[in-house]
Amino acid sequence: MVLSDGPVLTARDVGRELEQLAPVTHDAPLDEARKGAERVAVVDALARAQGNRTRAARLLGVSRRTLYNKLAEHGLD
């Protein structure tokens, strides 16, 4: 969902919402953008799995071990 400050939804409104999901500057290297998107995907999978890490790993298509590594990498463990 995207919120707007006024009666019309603008590109600025969308950009602000996207930055909150994965804060990445326009000048960020590709690796930073990938890490931001990866963090969003992990958080989303955990929410959809109601915190169940085995199910979250399945949703992401990775092993539990990989999920645990990603959680540690992103400071989510």
PDB file of N, CA and C in Angstrom:
ATOM      1  N   MET A   1       0.849  -1.160   0.000  1.00  0.00           N
ATOM      2  CA  MET A   1       0.000   0.000   0.000  1.00  0.00           C
ATOM      3  C   MET A   1       0.901   1.230   0.000  1.00  0.00           C
ATOM      4  N   VAL A   2       0.551   2.212  -0.789  1.00  0.00           N
ATOM      5  CA  VAL A   2       1.291   3.455  -0.874  1.00  0.00           C
ATOM      6  C   VAL A   2       0.406   4.570  -0.365  1.00  0.00           C
ATOM      7  N   LEU A   3       0.947   5.393   0.533  1.00  0.00           N
ATOM      8  CA  LEU A   3       0.200   6.511   1.080  1.00  0.00           C
ATOM      9  C   LEU A   3       0.627   7.800   0.398  1.00  0.00           C
ATOM     10  N   SER A   4      -0.283   8.731   0.288  1.00  0.00           N
ATOM     11  CA  SER A   4      -0.005  10.014  -0.337  1.00  0.00           C
ATOM     12  C   SER A   4      -0.316  11.133   0.642  1.00  0.00           C
ATOM     13  N   ASP A   5       0.429  12.238   0.516  1.00  0.00           N
ATOM     14  CA  ASP A   5       0.164  13.401   1.358  1.00  0.00           C
ATOM     15  C   ASP A   5      -1.005  14.227   0.828  1.00  0.00           C
ATOM     16  N   GLY A   6      -1.372  13.994  -0.409  1.00  0.00           N
ATOM     17  CA  GLY A   6      -2.442  14.774  -1.018  1.00  0.00           C
ATOM     18  C   GLY A   6      -3.448  13.889  -1.713  1.00  0.00           C
ATOM     19  N   PRO A   7      -4.313  14.492  -2.512  1.00  0.00           N
ATOM     20  CA  PRO A   7      -5.368  13.733  -3.180  1.00  0.00           C
ATOM     21  C   PRO A   7      -4.876  12.913  -4.380  1.00  0.00           C
ATOM     22  N   VAL A   8      -3.634  13.171  -4.829  1.00  0.00           N
ATOM     23  CA  VAL A   8      -3.104  12.482  -6.001  1.00  0.00           C
ATOM     24  C   VAL A   8      -1.834  11.734  -5.615  1.00  0.00           C
ATOM     25  N   LEU A   9      -1.735  10.488  -6.040  1.00  0.00           N
ATOM     26  CA  LEU A   9      -0.548   9.669  -5.799  1.00  0.00           C
ATOM     27  C   LEU A   9       0.528  10.078  -6.796  1.00  0.00           C
ATOM     28  N   THR A  10       1.715  10.419  -6.288  1.00  0.00           N
ATOM     29  CA  THR A  10       2.798  10.872  -7.158  1.00  0.00           C
ATOM     30  C   THR A  10       3.958   9.891  -7.123  1.00  0.00           C
ATOM     31  N   ALA A  11       4.893  10.066  -8.049  1.00  0.00           N
ATOM     32  CA  ALA A  11       6.103   9.235  -8.075  1.00  0.00           C
ATOM     33  C   ALA A  11       6.901   9.423  -6.790  1.00  0.00           C
ATOM     34  N   ARG A  12       6.864  10.624  -6.248  1.00  0.00           N
ATOM     35  CA  ARG A  12       7.573  10.879  -4.989  1.00  0.00           C
ATOM     36  C   ARG A  12       6.980  10.044  -3.847  1.00  0.00           C
ATOM     37  N   ASP A  13       5.652   9.932  -3.815  1.00  0.00           N
ATOM     38  CA  ASP A  13       4.996   9.111  -2.794  1.00  0.00           C
ATOM     39  C   ASP A  13       5.439   7.655  -2.904  1.00  0.00           C
ATOM     40  N   VAL A  14       5.453   7.141  -4.110  1.00  0.00           N
ATOM     41  CA  VAL A  14       5.861   5.754  -4.337  1.00  0.00           C
ATOM     42  C   VAL A  14       7.315   5.568  -3.945  1.00  0.00           C
ATOM     43  N   GLY A  15       8.174   6.491  -4.356  1.00  0.00           N
ATOM     44  CA  GLY A  15       9.596   6.411  -4.017  1.00  0.00           C
ATOM     45  C   GLY A  15       9.836   6.400  -2.523  1.00  0.00           C
ATOM     46  N   ARG A  16       9.099   7.246  -1.796  1.00  0.00           N
ATOM     47  CA  ARG A  16       9.232   7.301  -0.339  1.00  0.00           C
ATOM     48  C   ARG A  16       8.860   5.959   0.289  1.00  0.00           C
ATOM     49  N   GLU A  17       7.783   5.347  -0.190  1.00  0.00           N
ATOM     50  CA  GLU A  17       7.363   4.050   0.341  1.00  0.00           C
ATOM     51  C   GLU A  17       8.383   2.960   0.022  1.00  0.00           C
ATOM     52  N   LEU A  18       8.930   2.967  -1.186  1.00  0.00           N
ATOM     53  CA  LEU A  18       9.930   1.963  -1.560  1.00  0.00           C
ATOM     54  C   LEU A  18      11.190   2.100  -0.730  1.00  0.00           C
ATOM     55  N   GLU A  19      11.598   3.322  -0.430  1.00  0.00           N
ATOM     56  CA  GLU A  19      12.788   3.528   0.391  1.00  0.00           C
ATOM     57  C   GLU A  19      12.591   2.986   1.795  1.00  0.00           C
ATOM     58  N   GLN A  20      11.382   3.020   2.303  1.00  0.00           N
ATOM     59  CA  GLN A  20      11.115   2.469   3.625  1.00  0.00           C
ATOM     60  C   GLN A  20      11.214   0.945   3.613  1.00  0.00           C
ATOM     61  N   LEU A  21      10.872   0.323   2.504  1.00  0.00           N
ATOM     62  CA  LEU A  21      10.972  -1.133   2.397  1.00  0.00           C
ATOM     63  C   LEU A  21      12.419  -1.578   2.275  1.00  0.00           C
ATOM     64  N   ALA A  22      13.167  -0.926   1.423  1.00  0.00           N
ATOM     65  CA  ALA A  22      14.566  -1.283   1.172  1.00  0.00           C
ATOM     66  C   ALA A  22      15.345   0.000   0.967  1.00  0.00           C
ATOM     67  N   PRO A  23      15.798   0.618   2.081  1.00  0.00           N
ATOM     68  CA  PRO A  23      16.469   1.902   1.958  1.00  0.00           C
ATOM     69  C   PRO A  23      17.767   1.792   1.169  1.00  0.00           C
ATOM     70  N   VAL A  24      17.738   2.256  -0.065  1.00  0.00           N
ATOM     71  CA  VAL A  24      18.897   2.213  -0.951  1.00  0.00           C
ATOM     72  C   VAL A  24      18.950   3.544  -1.678  1.00  0.00           C
ATOM     73  N   THR A  25      20.131   4.160  -1.704  1.00  0.00           N
ATOM     74  CA  THR A  25      20.252   5.414  -2.427  1.00  0.00           C
ATOM     75  C   THR A  25      20.374   5.123  -3.908  1.00  0.00           C
ATOM     76  N   HIS A  26      20.112   6.132  -4.742  1.00  0.00           N
ATOM     77  CA  HIS A  26      20.182   5.957  -6.192  1.00  0.00           C
ATOM     78  C   HIS A  26      21.617   5.679  -6.648  1.00  0.00           C
ATOM     79  N   ASP A  27      22.598   6.061  -5.850  1.00  0.00           N
ATOM     80  CA  ASP A  27      23.994   5.858  -6.210  1.00  0.00           C
ATOM     81  C   ASP A  27      24.567   4.578  -5.602  1.00  0.00           C
ATOM     82  N   ALA A  28      23.726   3.752  -4.982  1.00  0.00           N
ATOM     83  CA  ALA A  28      24.202   2.555  -4.292  1.00  0.00           C
ATOM     84  C   ALA A  28      24.724   1.527  -5.287  1.00  0.00           C
ATOM     85  N   PRO A  29      25.812   0.863  -4.901  1.00  0.00           N
ATOM     86  CA  PRO A  29      26.302  -0.216  -5.748  1.00  0.00           C
ATOM     87  C   PRO A  29      25.284  -1.352  -5.827  1.00  0.00           C
ATOM     88  N   LEU A  30      25.427  -2.152  -6.853  1.00  0.00           N
ATOM     89  CA  LEU A  30      24.499  -3.259  -7.075  1.00  0.00           C
ATOM     90  C   LEU A  30      24.423  -4.167  -5.857  1.00  0.00           C
ATOM     91  N   ASP A  31      25.541  -4.414  -5.189  1.00  0.00           N
ATOM     92  CA  ASP A  31      25.542  -5.302  -4.031  1.00  0.00           C
ATOM     93  C   ASP A  31      24.663  -4.757  -2.908  1.00  0.00           C
ATOM     94  N   GLU A  32      24.696  -3.441  -2.689  1.00  0.00           N
ATOM     95  CA  GLU A  32      23.853  -2.848  -1.652  1.00  0.00           C
ATOM     96  C   GLU A  32      22.377  -2.982  -2.006  1.00  0.00           C
ATOM     97  N   ALA A  33      22.054  -2.791  -3.264  1.00  0.00           N
ATOM     98  CA  ALA A  33      20.672  -2.938  -3.712  1.00  0.00           C
ATOM     99  C   ALA A  33      20.203  -4.378  -3.535  1.00  0.00           C
ATOM    100  N   ARG A  34      21.067  -5.340  -3.866  1.00  0.00           N
ATOM    101  CA  ARG A  34      20.733  -6.758  -3.707  1.00  0.00           C
ATOM    102  C   ARG A  34      20.501  -7.089  -2.246  1.00  0.00           C
ATOM    103  N   LYS A  35      21.377  -6.592  -1.374  1.00  0.00           N
ATOM    104  CA  LYS A  35      21.232  -6.870   0.056  1.00  0.00           C
ATOM    105  C   LYS A  35      19.937  -6.274   0.612  1.00  0.00           C
ATOM    106  N   GLY A  36      19.589  -5.081   0.141  1.00  0.00           N
ATOM    107  CA  GLY A  36      18.342  -4.462   0.597  1.00  0.00           C
ATOM    108  C   GLY A  36      17.135  -5.277   0.175  1.00  0.00           C
ATOM    109  N   ALA A  37      17.140  -5.713  -1.078  1.00  0.00           N
ATOM    110  CA  ALA A  37      16.026  -6.525  -1.588  1.00  0.00           C
ATOM    111  C   ALA A  37      15.978  -7.878  -0.878  1.00  0.00           C
ATOM    112  N   GLU A  38      17.142  -8.441  -0.612  1.00  0.00           N
ATOM    113  CA  GLU A  38      17.218  -9.732   0.070  1.00  0.00           C
ATOM    114  C   GLU A  38      16.648  -9.615   1.488  1.00  0.00           C
ATOM    115  N   ARG A  39      16.989  -8.538   2.180  1.00  0.00           N
ATOM    116  CA  ARG A  39      16.491  -8.331   3.545  1.00  0.00           C
ATOM    117  C   ARG A  39      14.964  -8.217   3.539  1.00  0.00           C
ATOM    118  N   VAL A  40      14.432  -7.468   2.594  1.00  0.00           N
ATOM    119  CA  VAL A  40      12.973  -7.317   2.477  1.00  0.00           C
ATOM    120  C   VAL A  40      12.328  -8.679   2.233  1.00  0.00           C
ATOM    121  N   ALA A  41      12.926  -9.495   1.359  1.00  0.00           N
ATOM    122  CA  ALA A  41      12.371 -10.816   1.046  1.00  0.00           C
ATOM    123  C   ALA A  41      12.373 -11.718   2.283  1.00  0.00           C
ATOM    124  N   VAL A  42      13.457 -11.670   3.066  1.00  0.00           N
ATOM    125  CA  VAL A  42      13.549 -12.511   4.270  1.00  0.00           C
ATOM    126  C   VAL A  42      12.507 -12.070   5.297  1.00  0.00           C
ATOM    127  N   VAL A  43      12.405 -10.779   5.530  1.00  0.00           N
ATOM    128  CA  VAL A  43      11.421 -10.265   6.495  1.00  0.00           C
ATOM    129  C   VAL A  43      10.002 -10.615   6.049  1.00  0.00           C
ATOM    130  N   ASP A  44       9.734 -10.462   4.761  1.00  0.00           N
ATOM    131  CA  ASP A  44       8.405 -10.792   4.226  1.00  0.00           C
ATOM    132  C   ASP A  44       8.094 -12.275   4.389  1.00  0.00           C
ATOM    133  N   ALA A  45       9.053 -13.132   4.088  1.00  0.00           N
ATOM    134  CA  ALA A  45       8.834 -14.577   4.213  1.00  0.00           C
ATOM    135  C   ALA A  45       8.577 -14.959   5.666  1.00  0.00           C
ATOM    136  N   LEU A  46       9.326 -14.367   6.585  1.00  0.00           N
ATOM    137  CA  LEU A  46       9.102 -14.655   8.009  1.00  0.00           C
ATOM    138  C   LEU A  46       7.708 -14.201   8.446  1.00  0.00           C
ATOM    139  N   ALA A  47       7.268 -13.062   7.954  1.00  0.00           N
ATOM    140  CA  ALA A  47       5.925 -12.574   8.304  1.00  0.00           C
ATOM    141  C   ALA A  47       4.865 -13.510   7.737  1.00  0.00           C
ATOM    142  N   ARG A  48       5.033 -13.910   6.476  1.00  0.00           N
ATOM    143  CA  ARG A  48       4.054 -14.813   5.855  1.00  0.00           C
ATOM    144  C   ARG A  48       4.035 -16.170   6.542  1.00  0.00           C
ATOM    145  N   ALA A  49       5.185 -16.601   7.074  1.00  0.00           N
ATOM    146  CA  ALA A  49       5.275 -17.890   7.762  1.00  0.00           C
ATOM    147  C   ALA A  49       4.998 -17.756   9.255  1.00  0.00           C
ATOM    148  N   GLN A  50       4.562 -16.575   9.673  1.00  0.00           N
ATOM    149  CA  GLN A  50       4.242 -16.305  11.078  1.00  0.00           C
ATOM    150  C   GLN A  50       5.403 -16.665  11.997  1.00  0.00           C
ATOM    151  N   GLY A  51       6.624 -16.337  11.558  1.00  0.00           N
ATOM    152  CA  GLY A  51       7.816 -16.563  12.372  1.00  0.00           C
ATOM    153  C   GLY A  51       8.399 -17.961  12.274  1.00  0.00           C
ATOM    154  N   ASN A  52       7.734 -18.863  11.585  1.00  0.00           N
ATOM    155  CA  ASN A  52       8.227 -20.234  11.452  1.00  0.00           C
ATOM    156  C   ASN A  52       9.362 -20.235  10.421  1.00  0.00           C
ATOM    157  N   ARG A  53      10.579 -20.452  10.896  1.00  0.00           N
ATOM    158  CA  ARG A  53      11.751 -20.341  10.029  1.00  0.00           C
ATOM    159  C   ARG A  53      11.835 -21.454   8.989  1.00  0.00           C
ATOM    160  N   THR A  54      11.355 -22.631   9.312  1.00  0.00           N
ATOM    161  CA  THR A  54      11.353 -23.723   8.337  1.00  0.00           C
ATOM    162  C   THR A  54      10.442 -23.371   7.165  1.00  0.00           C
ATOM    163  N   ARG A  55       9.247 -22.874   7.473  1.00  0.00           N
ATOM    164  CA  ARG A  55       8.323 -22.474   6.407  1.00  0.00           C
ATOM    165  C   ARG A  55       8.846 -21.269   5.635  1.00  0.00           C
ATOM    166  N   ALA A  56       9.472 -20.329   6.333  1.00  0.00           N
ATOM    167  CA  ALA A  56      10.034 -19.152   5.656  1.00  0.00           C
ATOM    168  C   ALA A  56      11.117 -19.581   4.673  1.00  0.00           C
ATOM    169  N   ALA A  57      11.957 -20.525   5.065  1.00  0.00           N
ATOM    170  CA  ALA A  57      13.004 -21.027   4.163  1.00  0.00           C
ATOM    171  C   ALA A  57      12.377 -21.665   2.934  1.00  0.00           C
ATOM    172  N   ARG A  58      11.313 -22.444   3.131  1.00  0.00           N
ATOM    173  CA  ARG A  58      10.608 -23.053   1.996  1.00  0.00           C
ATOM    174  C   ARG A  58      10.040 -21.997   1.058  1.00  0.00           C
ATOM    175  N   LEU A  59       9.437 -20.958   1.635  1.00  0.00           N
ATOM    176  CA  LEU A  59       8.882 -19.879   0.815  1.00  0.00           C
ATOM    177  C   LEU A  59       9.964 -19.199  -0.023  1.00  0.00           C
ATOM    178  N   LEU A  60      11.155 -19.087   0.537  1.00  0.00           N
ATOM    179  CA  LEU A  60      12.263 -18.448  -0.159  1.00  0.00           C
ATOM    180  C   LEU A  60      12.984 -19.391  -1.115  1.00  0.00           C
ATOM    181  N   GLY A  61      12.726 -20.689  -0.977  1.00  0.00           N
ATOM    182  CA  GLY A  61      13.396 -21.667  -1.834  1.00  0.00           C
ATOM    183  C   GLY A  61      14.841 -21.897  -1.452  1.00  0.00           C
ATOM    184  N   VAL A  62      15.133 -21.777  -0.139  1.00  0.00           N
ATOM    185  CA  VAL A  62      16.488 -22.001   0.360  1.00  0.00           C
ATOM    186  C   VAL A  62      16.442 -22.986   1.520  1.00  0.00           C
ATOM    187  N   SER A  63      17.607 -23.485   1.901  1.00  0.00           N
ATOM    188  CA  SER A  63      17.676 -24.386   3.050  1.00  0.00           C
ATOM    189  C   SER A  63      17.529 -23.583   4.342  1.00  0.00           C
ATOM    190  N   ARG A  64      17.209 -24.274   5.426  1.00  0.00           N
ATOM    191  CA  ARG A  64      17.131 -23.600   6.728  1.00  0.00           C
ATOM    192  C   ARG A  64      18.475 -22.987   7.084  1.00  0.00           C
ATOM    193  N   ARG A  65      19.541 -23.715   6.791  1.00  0.00           N
ATOM    194  CA  ARG A  65      20.890 -23.215   7.088  1.00  0.00           C
ATOM    195  C   ARG A  65      21.144 -21.895   6.365  1.00  0.00           C
ATOM    196  N   THR A  66      20.754 -21.824   5.094  1.00  0.00           N
ATOM    197  CA  THR A  66      20.930 -20.585   4.333  1.00  0.00           C
ATOM    198  C   THR A  66      20.101 -19.467   4.945  1.00  0.00           C
ATOM    199  N   LEU A  67      18.875 -19.776   5.354  1.00  0.00           N
ATOM    200  CA  LEU A  67      18.029 -18.760   5.987  1.00  0.00           C
ATOM    201  C   LEU A  67      18.695 -18.255   7.265  1.00  0.00           C
ATOM    202  N   TYR A  68      19.208 -19.157   8.095  1.00  0.00           N
ATOM    203  CA  TYR A  68      19.877 -18.737   9.328  1.00  0.00           C
ATOM    204  C   TYR A  68      21.084 -17.850   9.015  1.00  0.00           C
ATOM    205  N   ASN A  69      21.822 -18.189   7.968  1.00  0.00           N
ATOM    206  CA  ASN A  69      22.961 -17.355   7.564  1.00  0.00           C
ATOM    207  C   ASN A  69      22.493 -15.967   7.137  1.00  0.00           C
ATOM    208  N   LYS A  70      21.400 -15.903   6.387  1.00  0.00           N
ATOM    209  CA  LYS A  70      20.869 -14.616   5.929  1.00  0.00           C
ATOM    210  C   LYS A  70      20.328 -13.803   7.106  1.00  0.00           C
ATOM    211  N   LEU A  71      19.694 -14.463   8.061  1.00  0.00           N
ATOM    212  CA  LEU A  71      19.208 -13.768   9.243  1.00  0.00           C
ATOM    213  C   LEU A  71      20.371 -13.117   9.998  1.00  0.00           C
ATOM    214  N   ALA A  72      21.465 -13.861  10.157  1.00  0.00           N
ATOM    215  CA  ALA A  72      22.644 -13.327  10.835  1.00  0.00           C
ATOM    216  C   ALA A  72      23.270 -12.185  10.030  1.00  0.00           C
ATOM    217  N   GLU A  73      23.367 -12.376   8.726  1.00  0.00           N
ATOM    218  CA  GLU A  73      23.963 -11.374   7.839  1.00  0.00           C
ATOM    219  C   GLU A  73      23.223 -10.029   7.916  1.00  0.00           C
ATOM    220  N   HIS A  74      21.910 -10.105   8.052  1.00  0.00           N
ATOM    221  CA  HIS A  74      21.098  -8.895   8.068  1.00  0.00           C
ATOM    222  C   HIS A  74      20.733  -8.447   9.489  1.00  0.00           C
ATOM    223  N   GLY A  75      21.324  -9.077  10.495  1.00  0.00           N
ATOM    224  CA  GLY A  75      21.071  -8.689  11.872  1.00  0.00           C
ATOM    225  C   GLY A  75      19.659  -8.975  12.345  1.00  0.00           C
ATOM    226  N   LEU A  76      19.065 -10.035  11.811  1.00  0.00           N
ATOM    227  CA  LEU A  76      17.687 -10.385  12.140  1.00  0.00           C
ATOM    228  C   LEU A  76      17.579 -11.604  13.046  1.00  0.00           C
ATOM    229  N   ASP A  77      18.694 -12.141  13.479  1.00  0.00           N
ATOM    230  CA  ASP A  77      18.636 -13.380  14.275  1.00  0.00           C
ATOM    231  C   ASP A  77      18.365 -13.153  15.720  1.00  0.00           C
TER     232      ASP A  77
END
